[in-house]
N, C-alpha and C. Protein backbone atom coordinates (compact mmCIF):
# COMPACT_ATOMS: atom_id res chain seq x y z
N MET A 1 -10.07 12.57 9.31
CA MET A 1 -8.78 12.93 9.88
C MET A 1 -7.70 12.64 8.84
N PRO A 2 -6.80 13.57 8.56
CA PRO A 2 -5.73 13.35 7.58
C PRO A 2 -4.77 12.24 8.03
N PRO A 3 -4.16 11.52 7.06
CA PRO A 3 -3.27 10.41 7.38
C PRO A 3 -2.16 10.75 8.38
N ARG A 4 -1.49 11.90 8.22
CA ARG A 4 -0.40 12.24 9.16
C ARG A 4 -0.92 12.41 10.59
N GLN A 5 -2.09 12.96 10.71
CA GLN A 5 -2.69 13.15 12.03
C GLN A 5 -3.06 11.78 12.64
N ILE A 6 -3.56 10.87 11.81
CA ILE A 6 -3.87 9.52 12.28
C ILE A 6 -2.59 8.85 12.77
N LEU A 7 -1.52 8.94 11.98
CA LEU A 7 -0.24 8.34 12.39
C LEU A 7 0.28 8.94 13.69
N ARG A 8 0.19 10.24 13.80
CA ARG A 8 0.66 10.91 15.02
C ARG A 8 -0.11 10.42 16.24
N HIS A 9 -1.43 10.35 16.10
CA HIS A 9 -2.28 9.90 17.21
C HIS A 9 -1.95 8.45 17.60
N LEU A 10 -1.86 7.57 16.61
CA LEU A 10 -1.58 6.17 16.90
C LEU A 10 -0.17 5.98 17.46
N SER A 11 0.77 6.76 16.98
CA SER A 11 2.13 6.71 17.52
C SER A 11 2.13 7.13 18.99
N ASP A 12 1.38 8.17 19.30
CA ASP A 12 1.26 8.63 20.69
C ASP A 12 0.64 7.55 21.58
N GLU A 13 -0.19 6.69 20.97
CA GLU A 13 -0.83 5.60 21.72
C GLU A 13 0.07 4.37 21.81
N GLY A 14 1.27 4.43 21.19
CA GLY A 14 2.23 3.33 21.30
C GLY A 14 2.28 2.39 20.11
N PHE A 15 1.51 2.67 19.06
CA PHE A 15 1.52 1.80 17.88
C PHE A 15 2.65 2.21 16.94
N SER A 16 3.30 1.22 16.32
CA SER A 16 4.40 1.53 15.41
C SER A 16 4.19 0.96 14.01
N ASN A 17 3.23 0.06 13.84
CA ASN A 17 2.92 -0.52 12.53
C ASN A 17 1.42 -0.46 12.29
N LEU A 18 1.04 -0.12 11.06
CA LEU A 18 -0.37 -0.07 10.70
C LEU A 18 -0.62 -0.92 9.47
N TYR A 19 -1.79 -1.50 9.41
CA TYR A 19 -2.26 -2.18 8.21
C TYR A 19 -3.26 -1.25 7.55
N ILE A 20 -2.91 -0.74 6.38
CA ILE A 20 -3.74 0.21 5.66
C ILE A 20 -4.46 -0.54 4.55
N ASP A 21 -5.79 -0.43 4.49
CA ASP A 21 -6.56 -1.16 3.50
C ASP A 21 -7.69 -0.29 2.98
N GLY A 22 -8.13 -0.58 1.78
CA GLY A 22 -9.22 0.16 1.16
C GLY A 22 -8.68 1.14 0.15
N GLY A 23 -9.23 1.14 -1.05
CA GLY A 23 -8.73 1.94 -2.15
C GLY A 23 -8.46 3.40 -1.81
N LYS A 24 -9.47 4.11 -1.30
CA LYS A 24 -9.31 5.54 -1.02
C LYS A 24 -8.34 5.78 0.13
N VAL A 25 -8.33 4.91 1.14
CA VAL A 25 -7.43 5.06 2.28
C VAL A 25 -5.99 4.84 1.82
N ILE A 26 -5.75 3.80 1.04
CA ILE A 26 -4.41 3.53 0.52
C ILE A 26 -3.94 4.70 -0.32
N GLN A 27 -4.82 5.22 -1.17
CA GLN A 27 -4.46 6.35 -2.02
C GLN A 27 -4.06 7.57 -1.19
N ALA A 28 -4.80 7.85 -0.12
CA ALA A 28 -4.49 9.00 0.73
C ALA A 28 -3.12 8.85 1.40
N PHE A 29 -2.81 7.66 1.89
CA PHE A 29 -1.52 7.42 2.53
C PHE A 29 -0.38 7.45 1.51
N LEU A 30 -0.60 6.92 0.30
CA LEU A 30 0.42 6.98 -0.75
C LEU A 30 0.71 8.41 -1.15
N LYS A 31 -0.32 9.22 -1.28
CA LYS A 31 -0.14 10.62 -1.69
C LYS A 31 0.70 11.40 -0.69
N GLU A 32 0.65 10.99 0.59
CA GLU A 32 1.45 11.67 1.61
C GLU A 32 2.76 10.92 1.89
N ASP A 33 3.10 9.94 1.03
CA ASP A 33 4.35 9.18 1.13
C ASP A 33 4.48 8.50 2.49
N LEU A 34 3.41 7.85 2.94
CA LEU A 34 3.39 7.23 4.26
C LEU A 34 3.34 5.70 4.21
N ILE A 35 3.55 5.11 3.04
CA ILE A 35 3.54 3.66 2.90
C ILE A 35 4.97 3.18 2.70
N ASP A 36 5.44 2.30 3.59
CA ASP A 36 6.80 1.76 3.50
C ASP A 36 6.83 0.36 2.89
N GLU A 37 5.75 -0.39 3.04
CA GLU A 37 5.68 -1.75 2.53
C GLU A 37 4.31 -1.96 1.88
N LEU A 38 4.30 -2.76 0.82
CA LEU A 38 3.04 -3.14 0.17
C LEU A 38 2.92 -4.64 0.16
N VAL A 39 1.73 -5.13 0.42
CA VAL A 39 1.39 -6.53 0.20
C VAL A 39 0.19 -6.49 -0.74
N ILE A 40 0.38 -6.98 -1.95
CA ILE A 40 -0.68 -6.95 -2.94
C ILE A 40 -1.16 -8.38 -3.17
N ALA A 41 -2.43 -8.61 -2.87
CA ALA A 41 -3.04 -9.92 -3.07
C ALA A 41 -3.87 -9.89 -4.34
N LYS A 42 -3.71 -10.91 -5.16
CA LYS A 42 -4.48 -11.04 -6.39
C LYS A 42 -5.31 -12.31 -6.30
N VAL A 43 -6.60 -12.14 -6.53
CA VAL A 43 -7.54 -13.25 -6.46
C VAL A 43 -8.05 -13.48 -7.88
N PRO A 44 -8.20 -14.74 -8.29
CA PRO A 44 -8.61 -15.01 -9.67
C PRO A 44 -10.11 -14.76 -9.90
N VAL A 45 -10.56 -13.53 -9.61
CA VAL A 45 -11.95 -13.12 -9.84
C VAL A 45 -11.90 -11.72 -10.43
N LEU A 46 -12.56 -11.50 -11.54
CA LEU A 46 -12.63 -10.17 -12.13
C LEU A 46 -13.81 -9.42 -11.54
N ILE A 47 -13.55 -8.25 -11.00
CA ILE A 47 -14.59 -7.43 -10.39
C ILE A 47 -15.01 -6.38 -11.42
N GLY A 48 -16.29 -6.27 -11.65
CA GLY A 48 -16.80 -5.40 -12.69
C GLY A 48 -16.61 -3.92 -12.43
N ASN A 49 -16.66 -3.51 -11.18
CA ASN A 49 -16.45 -2.09 -10.86
C ASN A 49 -15.97 -1.98 -9.42
N GLY A 50 -15.65 -0.78 -9.02
CA GLY A 50 -15.16 -0.56 -7.66
C GLY A 50 -14.17 0.58 -7.65
N ILE A 51 -13.53 0.78 -6.51
CA ILE A 51 -12.54 1.84 -6.35
C ILE A 51 -11.18 1.28 -6.70
N PRO A 52 -10.44 1.92 -7.61
CA PRO A 52 -9.10 1.43 -7.96
C PRO A 52 -8.18 1.45 -6.75
N LEU A 53 -7.30 0.48 -6.67
CA LEU A 53 -6.34 0.42 -5.57
C LEU A 53 -5.38 1.60 -5.62
N PHE A 54 -4.92 1.96 -6.82
CA PHE A 54 -4.00 3.06 -6.98
C PHE A 54 -4.63 4.11 -7.88
N ASP A 55 -4.50 5.35 -7.51
CA ASP A 55 -5.01 6.47 -8.29
C ASP A 55 -3.81 7.26 -8.80
N GLU A 56 -4.05 8.39 -9.39
CA GLU A 56 -2.95 9.23 -9.85
C GLU A 56 -2.16 9.77 -8.66
N LEU A 57 -0.85 9.79 -8.82
CA LEU A 57 0.03 10.35 -7.80
C LEU A 57 0.81 11.50 -8.41
N ASP A 58 1.29 12.42 -7.58
CA ASP A 58 2.07 13.56 -8.04
C ASP A 58 3.44 13.16 -8.56
N ARG A 59 3.94 11.98 -8.14
CA ARG A 59 5.27 11.53 -8.50
C ARG A 59 5.29 10.00 -8.47
N ASP A 60 6.33 9.43 -9.03
CA ASP A 60 6.49 7.98 -8.97
C ASP A 60 6.92 7.58 -7.56
N VAL A 61 6.46 6.43 -7.12
CA VAL A 61 6.86 5.87 -5.83
C VAL A 61 7.42 4.48 -6.13
N GLY A 62 8.71 4.29 -5.86
CA GLY A 62 9.37 3.04 -6.19
C GLY A 62 9.29 2.01 -5.08
N PHE A 63 8.99 0.78 -5.45
CA PHE A 63 8.96 -0.33 -4.52
C PHE A 63 9.78 -1.47 -5.09
N LYS A 64 10.48 -2.18 -4.22
CA LYS A 64 11.32 -3.33 -4.60
C LYS A 64 10.57 -4.61 -4.24
N HIS A 65 10.49 -5.53 -5.20
CA HIS A 65 9.83 -6.82 -4.95
C HIS A 65 10.68 -7.64 -3.97
N ILE A 66 10.05 -8.16 -2.94
CA ILE A 66 10.73 -8.98 -1.93
C ILE A 66 10.46 -10.46 -2.16
N ARG A 67 9.18 -10.81 -2.26
CA ARG A 67 8.83 -12.22 -2.50
C ARG A 67 7.38 -12.32 -2.95
N THR A 68 7.04 -13.47 -3.50
CA THR A 68 5.67 -13.75 -3.91
C THR A 68 5.31 -15.15 -3.45
N GLU A 69 4.10 -15.27 -2.93
CA GLU A 69 3.56 -16.57 -2.52
C GLU A 69 2.38 -16.90 -3.43
N VAL A 70 2.31 -18.16 -3.87
CA VAL A 70 1.20 -18.63 -4.69
C VAL A 70 0.50 -19.75 -3.92
N PHE A 71 -0.82 -19.63 -3.79
CA PHE A 71 -1.60 -20.60 -3.02
C PHE A 71 -2.40 -21.50 -3.96
N SER A 72 -2.77 -22.69 -3.47
CA SER A 72 -3.45 -23.68 -4.31
C SER A 72 -4.83 -23.20 -4.79
N ASN A 73 -5.44 -22.23 -4.10
CA ASN A 73 -6.76 -21.73 -4.52
C ASN A 73 -6.65 -20.63 -5.56
N GLY A 74 -5.42 -20.31 -6.02
CA GLY A 74 -5.22 -19.30 -7.05
C GLY A 74 -4.82 -17.94 -6.51
N LEU A 75 -4.88 -17.75 -5.20
CA LEU A 75 -4.47 -16.48 -4.60
C LEU A 75 -2.97 -16.30 -4.78
N VAL A 76 -2.57 -15.09 -5.16
CA VAL A 76 -1.15 -14.74 -5.29
C VAL A 76 -0.91 -13.52 -4.43
N ARG A 77 0.06 -13.59 -3.54
CA ARG A 77 0.37 -12.48 -2.63
C ARG A 77 1.82 -12.07 -2.85
N SER A 78 2.01 -10.79 -3.22
CA SER A 78 3.36 -10.26 -3.49
C SER A 78 3.72 -9.20 -2.46
N TYR A 79 4.96 -9.22 -2.01
CA TYR A 79 5.46 -8.32 -0.97
C TYR A 79 6.49 -7.37 -1.57
N TYR A 80 6.37 -6.09 -1.22
CA TYR A 80 7.26 -5.06 -1.74
C TYR A 80 7.69 -4.13 -0.61
N GLU A 81 8.91 -3.56 -0.73
CA GLU A 81 9.39 -2.54 0.20
C GLU A 81 9.69 -1.28 -0.60
N LYS A 82 9.39 -0.13 -0.02
CA LYS A 82 9.67 1.14 -0.69
C LYS A 82 11.16 1.37 -0.75
N PHE A 83 11.64 1.93 -1.85
CA PHE A 83 13.03 2.34 -1.93
C PHE A 83 13.06 3.79 -2.44
N ILE A 84 14.12 4.46 -2.10
CA ILE A 84 14.30 5.85 -2.51
C ILE A 84 14.88 5.86 -3.91
N GLN A 85 14.21 6.53 -4.83
CA GLN A 85 14.72 6.64 -6.19
C GLN A 85 15.70 7.79 -6.28
N THR A 86 16.79 7.53 -6.94
CA THR A 86 17.78 8.61 -7.14
C THR A 86 17.49 9.30 -8.45
N PRO A 87 17.60 10.62 -8.48
CA PRO A 87 17.35 11.35 -9.73
C PRO A 87 18.35 10.96 -10.82
N VAL A 88 17.90 10.94 -12.04
CA VAL A 88 18.78 10.57 -13.17
C VAL A 88 19.48 11.80 -13.69
């Protein structure tokens, strides 16, 4: 099911916020400009392979850094909000 159709269905069911996770799912929602906030968690472990979190996009998508939390186990969580970029 395409991301916009998923949003429409969940909105009809009364949901207003979604947690989007998984490389390909995040990429699909970003490509349709459906992500308003990002929370990016970094864990101090290098993964040898997998699906990239971000893939190629048709255009730049700007996000403003809101805050970052650092935990004693090395986890770093950064919060961002989307902003509208003005043409130069």
